[in-house]
Amino acid sequence: MTITERETAATPSTRRAAPAGGLTRGMRVRSVSAQTAKYTSLVVAAVLTLLPLTVLLFASFKTKQEYGSTGPFDAPSSWLNFDNFVTAFTSGKMLEGFVNTSIVMALFLVATLIPSVTSQVATFQLINGLGLYDTKAALILLFMGTDVIALYLFIQFMQSIPMSLDEAAMIDGANRWTIYWRIVLPLLRPAIATVVIIKGIAVYNEFYAPFLYLPSEGLISTSLFRFKGPFGAQWEVIAAGTIVVIIPTLIAFLLLQRWIYRGLTSGAVK
């Protein structure tokens, strides 16, 4: 038999072996098994979640004597026994708790909807009361706070440091202060560099705080505002000044971008 005849003879059997839809029997079995395992786990999780709720529901309709003499999965003798609910609302002051919780939640939601700039009145009075208005100390005090991104980065990096390093250092006789300065702090250099860069760019671009709290002196952002007057603006000068402002940030980003990417990506998958 020639090669061509062998290929022709093998072709029908090969085609017969190919199942409909391109899936073999083993693949279909694995797919069905995976689906079965998935839904079985969901059913088990639902049952485990509903069991405590069922016990709680049954107990809420039982009397004190019935609760002590029956099992947790025994249904109550009467589904119209609402004495426990009445006692909870009256003696436990549940209604007062609902009202107070709703007020606190409502005020919290309202506070999140208020722009942060509206709190500048109280902040300005505090800065002025401390005698820090029109000084660099006012801006330093305002910029000393951190933000959510910085906290997230530091938390992720701290969680990535294994406890075995601390335990090994303690076995060698190091105290916690030495462990922090000699082990933990060097490992936090990517996070520190990332936070310093992000915070530095934010301070570099900040306009509102320097304009309000340091009117007699200028920062980078407020220096450009000097070329904007009530009767017009020197846009060509502002354009030149903008280029001058962009150049340092561009150079800093090109030199330190590996620290930014390393800090952000290292804390993204923890």
Foldseek 3Di string as FASTA:
>chain_A
DDPVVVVVVVVVVVVVQQDPPRDHPVRVVVVVVVVVVVVVVVVVVVCVVVVVVQLVLQVQQADPVCVVPDDSNDHHPDPPRNPSVVCCCPVVVVVVVVVVVVVVVVVVVVVVVDDPVVCVVVVVVVCVVVVNFQHVVSVVVVLPDADDVLVLLVVLQVVPDDCVQVVVVVVVPDDPVCCCVPPVVVSCVLSVLQRCLVSVVCVLQDDPCCVGRNVVDDGLNVVLVVQQDPVGGPVVVSVVSVVVSVVVNVVVCVVCVVSNVCSVVSSPPD
